[in-house]
């Protein structure tokens, strides 16, 4: 049962990750080029913030379930 939830979460993540390049490929390319100019530290901070946001959303969803 748990593996189904994990695979569903991964599948949903891939769908959401694919929306932006599908809808607006030009803006996505500009974004990727901008990411190349960022330092590794800045990218790590962005990654940390995104993980924390995901964690907070998960906690909120589980508190209402």
Protein backbone atom coordinates (compact mmCIF):
# COMPACT_ATOMS: atom_id res chain seq x y z
CA UNK A 1 0.00 0.00 0.00
CA UNK A 2 2.77 2.45 0.93
CA UNK A 3 4.59 1.86 -2.36
CA UNK A 4 1.43 2.89 -4.25
CA UNK A 5 1.35 6.20 -2.38
CA UNK A 6 5.05 6.79 -3.07
CA UNK A 7 4.70 6.04 -6.78
CA UNK A 8 1.59 8.21 -7.02
CA UNK A 9 3.46 11.08 -5.36
CA UNK A 10 6.38 10.68 -7.78
CA UNK A 11 4.01 10.52 -10.75
CA UNK A 12 2.21 13.68 -9.64
CA UNK A 13 5.54 15.45 -9.14
CA UNK A 14 6.60 14.53 -12.70
CA UNK A 15 3.31 15.81 -14.12
CA UNK A 16 3.67 19.10 -12.26
CA UNK A 17 7.36 19.42 -13.22
CA UNK A 18 6.45 18.90 -16.87
CA UNK A 19 3.73 21.54 -17.00
CA UNK A 20 5.98 24.60 -17.22
CA UNK A 21 8.20 23.45 -20.12
CA UNK A 22 5.12 22.17 -21.95
CA UNK A 23 3.13 25.39 -21.54
CA UNK A 24 5.94 27.94 -21.99
CA UNK A 25 9.17 26.40 -23.26
CA UNK A 26 10.84 29.76 -23.97
CA UNK A 27 10.39 31.02 -20.41
CA UNK A 28 11.56 27.65 -19.09
CA UNK A 29 14.77 27.91 -21.12
CA UNK A 30 15.37 31.44 -19.80
CA UNK A 31 14.82 30.17 -16.26
CA UNK A 32 17.32 27.34 -16.74
CA UNK A 33 19.90 29.76 -18.15
CA UNK A 34 19.36 32.02 -15.14
CA UNK A 35 19.84 29.03 -12.82
CA UNK A 36 23.23 28.37 -14.42
CA UNK A 37 24.42 31.80 -13.31
CA UNK A 38 23.48 31.24 -9.65
CA UNK A 39 26.08 30.08 -7.16
CA UNK A 40 25.81 26.61 -5.67
CA UNK A 41 25.08 28.15 -2.27
CA UNK A 42 22.12 30.10 -3.69
CA UNK A 43 20.75 26.94 -5.32
CA UNK A 44 21.14 25.04 -2.05
CA UNK A 45 19.20 27.74 -0.21
CA UNK A 46 16.42 27.59 -2.80
CA UNK A 47 16.34 23.80 -2.46
CA UNK A 48 16.15 24.05 1.32
CA UNK A 49 13.32 26.59 1.19
CA UNK A 50 11.36 24.41 -1.26
CA UNK A 51 11.82 21.35 0.96
CA UNK A 52 10.64 23.29 4.02
CA UNK A 53 7.58 24.56 2.16
CA UNK A 54 6.77 21.00 1.10
CA UNK A 55 7.21 19.77 4.66
CA UNK A 56 4.92 22.47 6.05
CA UNK A 57 2.25 21.68 3.43
CA UNK A 58 2.51 17.97 4.28
CA UNK A 59 2.12 18.68 8.00
CA UNK A 60 -0.90 20.92 7.37
CA UNK A 61 -2.57 18.34 5.12
CA UNK A 62 -2.00 15.56 7.65
CA UNK A 63 -3.32 17.65 10.51
CA UNK A 64 -6.67 18.07 8.69
CA UNK A 65 -6.92 14.45 7.52
